[in-house]
Amino acid sequence: MPPTDASTDAASAPLTDGSPGPGEDKDPPQDTDAEDTLDLRLPTEFIAFLAGQEPEGDRPEPAAAPRLTPVPPASADLLDQVGDWGPTDTPAGAFQLVPVRVERDLPLLGRWMNDPAVAAFWELDGTQDLTEKHLNAQLAGDGRSVPCLGVLDGTPISYWEIYRADLDSLARHYPARPHDTGIHILIGDIARRGRGLGGILLRSVADLVLDKRPACARVVAEPDIRNTPSVAAFLSAGFRFAAEADLPAKRAALMVRDRSLRHLL
């Protein structure tokens, strides 16, 4: 979780046989009341004929059972393939989350992080090494956070981190539920700020999360409580203010968008 948060118009940062079991007789007890039962011993060939099988002596050796590799759960990708979510229509245009590639995107993200409005909350200004280290830490992880460019009508204008809030250190600071999904955002294109775009995109991305992650019941965020524009953008996007949380690097406003309320707020 990044240490701080920038204005949503600028940024909202992070922070399993039938063999007997033990103790069981290997041979079942004989039925002592079955004295009148005839002990018929049928030829092996006849038994095989009745069973529709070849006689025992002619049957090939059974093939060895294939060695099965354990199949990871469907959510082994902890965020259900963010890169495959595809574009979504928004009032501002066609929007898509595109997972970051450091070699392609570092120069652009480095410039955004050095914007004073962003740097005040993300604290990744300076040389590109800081931004590169931050990105690599996420990309080298287990997939609980996916850094993305937000592309509007073909142009990258924002940076996003979609993360598993229930698996993040944030979960120690609020009553997390399984599959809670978190959002960090910054609007890098200065010309796009101050026009309500943050709220529009936040609502669209929250809807994407709820549509693409059926196990997720809540989308959460934790902008800095001082970041009034960011909090306002989340509210306009259908999030509710749930609580204040003292995080290691900031006092945050815990914002929650509930699946059960998504069509009401």
C-alpha atoms as a PDB file:
ATOM      1  CA  MET A   1       0.000   0.000   0.000  1.00  0.00           C
ATOM      2  CA  PRO A   2       1.592   3.273  -1.049  1.00  0.00           C
ATOM      3  CA  PRO A   3       2.139   5.561   1.913  1.00  0.00           C
ATOM      4  CA  THR A   4      -0.104   8.425   0.923  1.00  0.00           C
ATOM      5  CA  ASP A   5      -2.936   9.622  -1.271  1.00  0.00           C
ATOM      6  CA  ALA A   6      -3.390  12.328  -3.868  1.00  0.00           C
ATOM      7  CA  SER A   7      -6.482  14.123  -5.065  1.00  0.00           C
ATOM      8  CA  THR A   8      -8.611  11.866  -7.217  1.00  0.00           C
ATOM      9  CA  ASP A   9      -8.623  14.616  -9.745  1.00  0.00           C
ATOM     10  CA  ALA A  10      -4.892  14.198  -9.336  1.00  0.00           C
ATOM     11  CA  ALA A  11      -4.513  10.941  -7.417  1.00  0.00           C
ATOM     12  CA  SER A  12      -5.770   8.538  -4.780  1.00  0.00           C
ATOM     13  CA  ALA A  13      -2.840   6.468  -3.667  1.00  0.00           C
ATOM     14  CA  PRO A  14      -2.196   3.545  -1.399  1.00  0.00           C
ATOM     15  CA  LEU A  15      -1.289   3.131   0.707  1.00  0.00           C
ATOM     16  CA  THR A  16      -9.063 -37.014  -2.276  1.00  0.00           C
ATOM     17  CA  ASP A  17     -10.971 -47.016  -2.460  1.00  0.00           C
ATOM     18  CA  GLY A  18     -12.692 -49.374  -1.043  1.00  0.00           C
ATOM     19  CA  SER A  19      -9.855 -50.859   1.112  1.00  0.00           C
ATOM     20  CA  PRO A  20     -10.487 -51.282   4.854  1.00  0.00           C
ATOM     21  CA  GLY A  21      -9.582 -48.472   7.137  1.00  0.00           C
ATOM     22  CA  PRO A  22      -7.482 -48.617  10.303  1.00  0.00           C
ATOM     23  CA  GLY A  23      -8.999 -50.952  12.903  1.00  0.00           C
ATOM     24  CA  GLU A  24     -11.355 -52.638  10.400  1.00  0.00           C
ATOM     25  CA  ASP A  25     -11.265 -56.373   9.626  1.00  0.00           C
ATOM     26  CA  LYS A  26      -9.761 -57.141   6.289  1.00  0.00           C
ATOM     27  CA  ASP A  27     -12.428 -59.828   5.702  1.00  0.00           C
ATOM     28  CA  PRO A  28     -16.064 -59.124   6.506  1.00  0.00           C
ATOM     29  CA  PRO A  29     -17.595 -61.420   9.141  1.00  0.00           C
ATOM     30  CA  GLN A  30     -19.315 -64.516   7.755  1.00  0.00           C
ATOM     31  CA  ASP A  31     -23.086 -64.643   7.902  1.00  0.00           C
ATOM     32  CA  THR A  32     -23.739 -67.634  10.169  1.00  0.00           C
ATOM     33  CA  ASP A  33     -27.452 -67.622   9.291  1.00  0.00           C
ATOM     34  CA  ALA A  34     -26.809 -68.298   5.608  1.00  0.00           C
ATOM     35  CA  GLU A  35     -26.346 -72.062   5.970  1.00  0.00           C
ATOM     36  CA  ASP A  36     -28.763 -72.855   3.109  1.00  0.00           C
ATOM     37  CA  THR A  37     -26.843 -70.763   0.568  1.00  0.00           C
ATOM     38  CA  LEU A  38     -25.297 -72.821  -2.209  1.00  0.00           C
ATOM     39  CA  ASP A  39     -21.607 -72.269  -2.709  1.00  0.00           C
ATOM     40  CA  LEU A  40     -21.512 -72.042  -6.508  1.00  0.00           C
ATOM     41  CA  ARG A  41     -18.104 -71.776  -8.116  1.00  0.00           C
ATOM     42  CA  LEU A  42     -18.608 -70.597 -11.674  1.00  0.00           C
ATOM     43  CA  PRO A  43     -15.829 -70.807 -14.259  1.00  0.00           C
ATOM     44  CA  THR A  44     -13.798 -67.668 -14.616  1.00  0.00           C
ATOM     45  CA  GLU A  45     -14.634 -67.443 -18.328  1.00  0.00           C
ATOM     46  CA  PHE A  46     -18.378 -67.508 -17.594  1.00  0.00           C
ATOM     47  CA  ILE A  47     -18.094 -64.783 -14.983  1.00  0.00           C
ATOM     48  CA  ALA A  48     -16.139 -62.671 -17.432  1.00  0.00           C
ATOM     49  CA  PHE A  49     -18.761 -63.287 -20.135  1.00  0.00           C
ATOM     50  CA  LEU A  50     -21.541 -62.117 -17.809  1.00  0.00           C
ATOM     51  CA  ALA A  51     -19.563 -59.011 -16.966  1.00  0.00           C
ATOM     52  CA  GLY A  52     -18.889 -58.265 -20.636  1.00  0.00           C
ATOM     53  CA  GLN A  53     -15.179 -58.448 -19.994  1.00  0.00           C
ATOM     54  CA  GLU A  54     -12.279 -60.547 -21.204  1.00  0.00           C
ATOM     55  CA  PRO A  55     -11.144 -63.448 -19.010  1.00  0.00           C
ATOM     56  CA  GLU A  56      -8.714 -62.409 -16.350  1.00  0.00           C
ATOM     57  CA  GLY A  57      -5.767 -64.129 -18.027  1.00  0.00           C
ATOM     58  CA  ASP A  58      -6.375 -62.327 -21.347  1.00  0.00           C
ATOM     59  CA  ARG A  59      -6.924 -58.888 -19.897  1.00  0.00           C
ATOM     60  CA  PRO A  60      -4.098 -56.421 -20.518  1.00  0.00           C
ATOM     61  CA  GLU A  61      -2.425 -54.835 -17.568  1.00  0.00           C
ATOM     62  CA  PRO A  62      -4.285 -51.649 -16.612  1.00  0.00           C
ATOM     63  CA  ALA A  63      -2.551 -48.488 -17.664  1.00  0.00           C
ATOM     64  CA  ALA A  64      -0.888 -46.594 -14.887  1.00  0.00           C
ATOM     65  CA  ALA A  65      -3.069 -43.780 -13.605  1.00  0.00           C
ATOM     66  CA  PRO A  66      -1.853 -40.430 -14.944  1.00  0.00           C
ATOM     67  CA  ARG A  67       0.021 -38.325 -12.462  1.00  0.00           C
ATOM     68  CA  LEU A  68      -2.182 -35.343 -11.856  1.00  0.00           C
ATOM     69  CA  THR A  69      -0.746 -31.941 -11.210  1.00  0.00           C
ATOM     70  CA  PRO A  70      -2.806 -30.097  -8.591  1.00  0.00           C
ATOM     71  CA  VAL A  71      -5.030 -27.594 -10.346  1.00  0.00           C
ATOM     72  CA  PRO A  72      -4.863 -24.162  -8.762  1.00  0.00           C
ATOM     73  CA  PRO A  73      -8.174 -22.623  -7.792  1.00  0.00           C
ATOM     74  CA  ALA A  74      -9.940 -20.514 -10.395  1.00  0.00           C
ATOM     75  CA  SER A  75      -8.860 -17.429  -8.512  1.00  0.00           C
ATOM     76  CA  ALA A  76      -5.159 -18.359  -8.530  1.00  0.00           C
ATOM     77  CA  ASP A  77      -5.047 -15.066 -10.383  1.00  0.00           C
ATOM     78  CA  LEU A  78      -6.054 -13.188  -7.283  1.00  0.00           C
ATOM     79  CA  LEU A  79      -7.837 -10.469  -9.228  1.00  0.00           C
ATOM     80  CA  ASP A  80      -9.523 -12.495 -11.976  1.00  0.00           C
ATOM     81  CA  GLN A  81      -7.410 -11.387 -14.918  1.00  0.00           C
ATOM     82  CA  VAL A  82      -7.652  -7.604 -14.819  1.00  0.00           C
ATOM     83  CA  GLY A  83      -5.870  -7.427 -18.165  1.00  0.00           C
ATOM     84  CA  ASP A  84      -8.723  -9.321 -19.817  1.00  0.00           C
ATOM     85  CA  TRP A  85     -11.542  -7.147 -18.522  1.00  0.00           C
ATOM     86  CA  GLY A  86     -11.636  -5.179 -21.751  1.00  0.00           C
ATOM     87  CA  PRO A  87     -13.016  -1.699 -22.444  1.00  0.00           C
ATOM     88  CA  THR A  88     -16.119  -0.204 -20.912  1.00  0.00           C
ATOM     89  CA  ASP A  89     -18.243   2.709 -22.064  1.00  0.00           C
ATOM     90  CA  THR A  90     -18.315   5.743 -19.800  1.00  0.00           C
ATOM     91  CA  PRO A  91     -19.901   9.210 -20.177  1.00  0.00           C
ATOM     92  CA  ALA A  92     -16.372  10.437 -20.920  1.00  0.00           C
ATOM     93  CA  GLY A  93     -15.585   7.851 -23.605  1.00  0.00           C
ATOM     94  CA  ALA A  94     -14.319   4.281 -23.970  1.00  0.00           C
ATOM     95  CA  PHE A  95     -12.155   3.393 -20.968  1.00  0.00           C
ATOM     96  CA  GLN A  96      -9.872   0.415 -20.343  1.00  0.00           C
ATOM     97  CA  LEU A  97      -7.435  -0.729 -17.676  1.00  0.00           C
ATOM     98  CA  VAL A  98      -4.171  -1.838 -19.294  1.00  0.00           C
ATOM     99  CA  PRO A  99      -1.637  -3.588 -17.010  1.00  0.00           C
ATOM    100  CA  VAL A 100       1.607  -1.652 -16.729  1.00  0.00           C
ATOM    101  CA  ARG A 101       4.743  -2.690 -18.581  1.00  0.00           C
ATOM    102  CA  VAL A 102       7.677  -0.954 -16.935  1.00  0.00           C
ATOM    103  CA  GLU A 103       9.832  -0.726 -20.051  1.00  0.00           C
ATOM    104  CA  ARG A 104       6.992   0.955 -21.926  1.00  0.00           C
ATOM    105  CA  ASP A 105       5.288   3.040 -19.260  1.00  0.00           C
ATOM    106  CA  LEU A 106       7.986   4.188 -16.829  1.00  0.00           C
ATOM    107  CA  PRO A 107       8.807   7.505 -18.526  1.00  0.00           C
ATOM    108  CA  LEU A 108       5.145   8.562 -18.538  1.00  0.00           C
ATOM    109  CA  LEU A 109       4.506   7.432 -14.964  1.00  0.00           C
ATOM    110  CA  GLY A 110       7.719   9.066 -13.803  1.00  0.00           C
ATOM    111  CA  ARG A 111       6.516  12.396 -15.193  1.00  0.00           C
ATOM    112  CA  TRP A 112       3.134  12.016 -13.501  1.00  0.00           C
ATOM    113  CA  MET A 113       4.714  11.187 -10.152  1.00  0.00           C
ATOM    114  CA  ASN A 114       6.721  14.413 -10.348  1.00  0.00           C
ATOM    115  CA  ASP A 115       3.609  16.540 -10.730  1.00  0.00           C
ATOM    116  CA  PRO A 116       3.401  18.452  -7.427  1.00  0.00           C
ATOM    117  CA  ALA A 117      -0.323  17.622  -6.993  1.00  0.00           C
ATOM    118  CA  VAL A 118       0.503  13.916  -7.268  1.00  0.00           C
ATOM    119  CA  ALA A 119       3.800  14.005  -5.399  1.00  0.00           C
ATOM    120  CA  ALA A 120       2.152  15.570  -2.359  1.00  0.00           C
ATOM    121  CA  PHE A 121       0.346  12.299  -1.665  1.00  0.00           C
ATOM    122  CA  TRP A 122       2.155   9.506  -3.534  1.00  0.00           C
ATOM    123  CA  GLU A 123       5.653  10.649  -2.495  1.00  0.00           C
ATOM    124  CA  LEU A 124       7.305   9.027  -5.527  1.00  0.00           C
ATOM    125  CA  ASP A 125       8.741  12.191  -7.012  1.00  0.00           C
ATOM    126  CA  GLY A 126      12.398  12.480  -7.884  1.00  0.00           C
ATOM    127  CA  THR A 127      14.277  10.139 -10.166  1.00  0.00           C
ATOM    128  CA  GLN A 128      12.434   7.410 -12.062  1.00  0.00           C
ATOM    129  CA  ASP A 129      14.173   4.844  -9.883  1.00  0.00           C
ATOM    130  CA  LEU A 130      11.605   5.404  -7.126  1.00  0.00           C
ATOM    131  CA  THR A 131       8.669   4.841  -9.457  1.00  0.00           C
ATOM    132  CA  GLU A 132      10.390   1.839 -11.050  1.00  0.00           C
ATOM    133  CA  LYS A 133      11.019   0.275  -7.645  1.00  0.00           C
ATOM    134  CA  HIS A 134       7.394   0.829  -6.656  1.00  0.00           C
ATOM    135  CA  LEU A 135       6.099  -0.797  -9.858  1.00  0.00           C
ATOM    136  CA  ASN A 136       8.509  -3.724  -9.741  1.00  0.00           C
ATOM    137  CA  ALA A 137       7.509  -4.510  -6.164  1.00  0.00           C
ATOM    138  CA  GLN A 138       3.942  -5.031  -7.340  1.00  0.00           C
ATOM    139  CA  LEU A 139       4.776  -6.819 -10.581  1.00  0.00           C
ATOM    140  CA  ALA A 140       7.116  -9.235  -8.768  1.00  0.00           C
ATOM    141  CA  GLY A 141       4.501 -10.081  -6.142  1.00  0.00           C
ATOM    142  CA  ASP A 142       1.847 -12.792  -6.062  1.00  0.00           C
ATOM    143  CA  GLY A 143      -0.699 -10.792  -8.023  1.00  0.00           C
ATOM    144  CA  ARG A 144      -2.575  -9.252  -5.143  1.00  0.00           C
ATOM    145  CA  SER A 145      -2.015  -5.827  -6.713  1.00  0.00           C
ATOM    146  CA  VAL A 146      -2.119  -5.029 -10.416  1.00  0.00           C
ATOM    147  CA  PRO A 147      -0.786  -1.638 -11.570  1.00  0.00           C
ATOM    148  CA  CYS A 148      -2.567  -0.348 -14.666  1.00  0.00           C
ATOM    149  CA  LEU A 149      -2.722   2.566 -17.030  1.00  0.00           C
ATOM    150  CA  GLY A 150      -6.187   4.019 -17.430  1.00  0.00           C
ATOM    151  CA  VAL A 151      -6.682   4.530 -21.175  1.00  0.00           C
ATOM    152  CA  LEU A 152      -9.500   6.804 -22.304  1.00  0.00           C
ATOM    153  CA  ASP A 153     -10.348   6.785 -26.010  1.00  0.00           C
ATOM    154  CA  GLY A 154      -6.920   5.330 -26.725  1.00  0.00           C
ATOM    155  CA  THR A 155      -4.940   7.832 -24.644  1.00  0.00           C
ATOM    156  CA  PRO A 156      -3.340   7.001 -21.264  1.00  0.00           C
ATOM    157  CA  ILE A 157      -4.591   9.616 -18.810  1.00  0.00           C
ATOM    158  CA  SER A 158      -4.492   7.919 -15.406  1.00  0.00           C
ATOM    159  CA  TYR A 159      -2.728   5.374 -13.232  1.00  0.00           C
ATOM    160  CA  TRP A 160      -4.577   2.729 -11.201  1.00  0.00           C
ATOM    161  CA  GLU A 161      -3.754   0.031  -8.707  1.00  0.00           C
ATOM    162  CA  ILE A 162      -6.403  -2.675  -8.377  1.00  0.00           C
ATOM    163  CA  TYR A 163      -5.589  -4.717  -5.299  1.00  0.00           C
ATOM    164  CA  ARG A 164      -6.945  -7.326  -2.902  1.00  0.00           C
ATOM    165  CA  ALA A 165      -7.722  -5.212   0.126  1.00  0.00           C
ATOM    166  CA  ASP A 166      -8.447  -8.319   2.216  1.00  0.00           C
ATOM    167  CA  LEU A 167      -4.876  -9.530   1.567  1.00  0.00           C
ATOM    168  CA  ASP A 168      -3.280  -6.107   2.011  1.00  0.00           C
ATOM    169  CA  SER A 169      -1.925  -4.539   5.183  1.00  0.00           C
ATOM    170  CA  LEU A 170      -5.024  -2.330   5.023  1.00  0.00           C
ATOM    171  CA  ALA A 171      -7.027  -5.321   6.294  1.00  0.00           C
ATOM    172  CA  ARG A 172      -5.466  -4.797   9.734  1.00  0.00           C
ATOM    173  CA  HIS A 173      -7.151  -1.417   9.965  1.00  0.00           C
ATOM    174  CA  TYR A 174     -10.766  -2.171   9.070  1.00  0.00           C
ATOM    175  CA  PRO A 175     -13.171  -5.160   9.242  1.00  0.00           C
ATOM    176  CA  ALA A 176     -12.150  -6.678   5.920  1.00  0.00           C
ATOM    177  CA  ARG A 177     -14.256  -9.285   4.151  1.00  0.00           C
ATOM    178  CA  PRO A 178     -13.017 -11.982   1.752  1.00  0.00           C
ATOM    179  CA  HIS A 179     -12.360 -10.654  -1.750  1.00  0.00           C
ATOM    180  CA  ASP A 180     -12.681  -6.963  -0.818  1.00  0.00           C
ATOM    181  CA  THR A 181     -11.062  -5.187  -3.757  1.00  0.00           C
ATOM    182  CA  GLY A 182      -9.249  -1.894  -3.385  1.00  0.00           C
ATOM    183  CA  ILE A 183      -8.595   0.984  -5.764  1.00  0.00           C
ATOM    184  CA  HIS A 184      -5.834   3.590  -5.942  1.00  0.00           C
ATOM    185  CA  ILE A 185      -6.025   6.216  -8.666  1.00  0.00           C
ATOM    186  CA  LEU A 186      -4.260   9.255  -9.986  1.00  0.00           C
ATOM    187  CA  ILE A 187      -5.266  11.406 -12.943  1.00  0.00           C
ATOM    188  CA  GLY A 188      -1.995  12.153 -14.691  1.00  0.00           C
ATOM    189  CA  ASP A 189      -3.325  14.326 -17.482  1.00  0.00           C
ATOM    190  CA  ILE A 190      -3.517  17.792 -15.917  1.00  0.00           C
ATOM    191  CA  ALA A 191      -5.923  19.039 -18.592  1.00  0.00           C
ATOM    192  CA  ARG A 192      -8.461  16.361 -17.515  1.00  0.00           C
ATOM    193  CA  ARG A 193      -8.585  17.382 -13.864  1.00  0.00           C
ATOM    194  CA  GLY A 194     -11.286  19.443 -12.210  1.00  0.00           C
ATOM    195  CA  ARG A 195     -14.023  18.315 -14.600  1.00  0.00           C
ATOM    196  CA  GLY A 196     -15.572  15.498 -12.584  1.00  0.00           C
ATOM    197  CA  LEU A 197     -13.667  12.869 -14.535  1.00  0.00           C
ATOM    198  CA  GLY A 198     -12.355  11.193 -11.369  1.00  0.00           C
ATOM    199  CA  GLY A 199     -15.880  10.363 -10.182  1.00  0.00           C
ATOM    200  CA  ILE A 200     -16.933   9.107 -13.620  1.00  0.00           C
ATOM    201  CA  LEU A 201     -13.955   6.785 -13.928  1.00  0.00           C
ATOM    202  CA  LEU A 202     -14.167   5.586 -10.339  1.00  0.00           C
ATOM    203  CA  ARG A 203     -17.789   4.551 -10.818  1.00  0.00           C
ATOM    204  CA  SER A 204     -16.940   2.752 -14.064  1.00  0.00           C
ATOM    205  CA  VAL A 205     -13.969   0.908 -12.568  1.00  0.00           C
ATOM    206  CA  ALA A 206     -15.927  -0.059  -9.449  1.00  0.00           C
ATOM    207  CA  ASP A 207     -18.641  -1.453 -11.733  1.00  0.00           C
ATOM    208  CA  LEU A 208     -15.996  -3.359 -13.680  1.00  0.00           C
ATOM    209  CA  VAL A 209     -14.675  -4.902 -10.467  1.00  0.00           C
ATOM    210  CA  LEU A 210     -18.148  -5.992  -9.371  1.00  0.00           C
ATOM    211  CA  ASP A 211     -18.979  -7.350 -12.837  1.00  0.00           C
ATOM    212  CA  LYS A 212     -15.717  -9.218 -13.366  1.00  0.00           C
ATOM    213  CA  ARG A 213     -15.169 -10.405  -9.794  1.00  0.00           C
ATOM    214  CA  PRO A 214     -18.410 -12.151  -8.708  1.00  0.00           C
ATOM    215  CA  ALA A 215     -16.865 -13.168  -5.375  1.00  0.00           C
ATOM    216  CA  CYS A 216     -16.257  -9.519  -4.491  1.00  0.00           C
ATOM    217  CA  ALA A 217     -19.070  -7.873  -2.520  1.00  0.00           C
ATOM    218  CA  ARG A 218     -17.320  -4.557  -1.844  1.00  0.00           C
ATOM    219  CA  VAL A 219     -14.920  -2.178  -3.526  1.00  0.00           C
ATOM    220  CA  VAL A 220     -12.930  -0.099  -1.054  1.00  0.00           C
ATOM    221  CA  ALA A 221     -10.547   2.830  -1.066  1.00  0.00           C
ATOM    222  CA  GLU A 222      -8.594   4.797   1.544  1.00  0.00           C
ATOM    223  CA  PRO A 223      -7.793   8.333   0.334  1.00  0.00           C
ATOM    224  CA  ASP A 224      -6.088  10.713   2.706  1.00  0.00           C
ATOM    225  CA  ILE A 225      -8.747  12.343   4.880  1.00  0.00           C
ATOM    226  CA  ARG A 226      -7.250  15.738   3.977  1.00  0.00           C
ATOM    227  CA  ASN A 227      -7.792  15.104   0.291  1.00  0.00           C
ATOM    228  CA  THR A 228     -11.244  16.620   0.004  1.00  0.00           C
ATOM    229  CA  PRO A 229     -11.460  16.437  -3.817  1.00  0.00           C
ATOM    230  CA  SER A 230     -10.599  12.747  -3.692  1.00  0.00           C
ATOM    231  CA  VAL A 231     -13.194  11.952  -1.026  1.00  0.00           C
ATOM    232  CA  ALA A 232     -15.785  13.940  -2.980  1.00  0.00           C
ATOM    233  CA  ALA A 233     -14.984  12.005  -6.164  1.00  0.00           C
ATOM    234  CA  PHE A 234     -15.490   8.679  -4.405  1.00  0.00           C
ATOM    235  CA  LEU A 235     -18.804   9.884  -2.986  1.00  0.00           C
ATOM    236  CA  SER A 236     -19.965  10.958  -6.441  1.00  0.00           C
ATOM    237  CA  ALA A 237     -18.977   7.491  -7.734  1.00  0.00           C
ATOM    238  CA  GLY A 238     -21.407   5.706  -5.386  1.00  0.00           C
ATOM    239  CA  PHE A 239     -19.007   5.017  -2.535  1.00  0.00           C
ATOM    240  CA  ARG A 240     -20.068   5.686   1.044  1.00  0.00           C
ATOM    241  CA  PHE A 241     -17.890   7.045   3.811  1.00  0.00           C
ATOM    242  CA  ALA A 242     -17.526   4.130   6.265  1.00  0.00           C
ATOM    243  CA  ALA A 243     -14.973   5.329   8.820  1.00  0.00           C
ATOM    244  CA  GLU A 244     -11.691   7.053   9.451  1.00  0.00           C
ATOM    245  CA  ALA A 245      -8.663   4.787   9.710  1.00  0.00           C
ATOM    246  CA  ASP A 246      -5.247   5.502  11.146  1.00  0.00           C
ATOM    247  CA  LEU A 247      -2.827   3.997   8.645  1.00  0.00           C
ATOM    248  CA  PRO A 248       0.954   4.023   9.096  1.00  0.00           C
ATOM    249  CA  ALA A 249       1.481   7.022   6.798  1.00  0.00           C
ATOM    250  CA  LYS A 250      -1.830   8.863   6.906  1.00  0.00           C
ATOM    251  CA  ARG A 251      -5.249   9.226   8.416  1.00  0.00           C
ATOM    252  CA  ALA A 252      -7.548   7.817   5.755  1.00  0.00           C
ATOM    253  CA  ALA A 253     -11.178   8.028   4.830  1.00  0.00           C
ATOM    254  CA  LEU A 254     -12.414   4.482   4.324  1.00  0.00           C
ATOM    255  CA  MET A 255     -14.680   4.572   1.291  1.00  0.00           C
ATOM    256  CA  VAL A 256     -16.854   1.565   0.411  1.00  0.00           C
ATOM    257  CA  ARG A 257     -18.983   0.726  -2.602  1.00  0.00           C
ATOM    258  CA  ASP A 258     -21.318  -2.167  -1.807  1.00  0.00           C
ATOM    259  CA  ARG A 259     -22.554  -4.555  -4.473  1.00  0.00           C
ATOM    260  CA  SER A 260     -25.970  -4.535  -2.776  1.00  0.00           C
ATOM    261  CA  LEU A 261     -26.195  -0.737  -3.102  1.00  0.00           C
ATOM    262  CA  ARG A 262     -24.595  -0.246  -6.506  1.00  0.00           C
ATOM    263  CA  HIS A 263     -27.877   0.568  -8.235  1.00  0.00           C
ATOM    264  CA  LEU A 264     -28.994   2.930  -5.472  1.00  0.00           C
ATOM    265  CA  LEU A 265     -25.937   5.157  -5.058  1.00  0.00           C
END
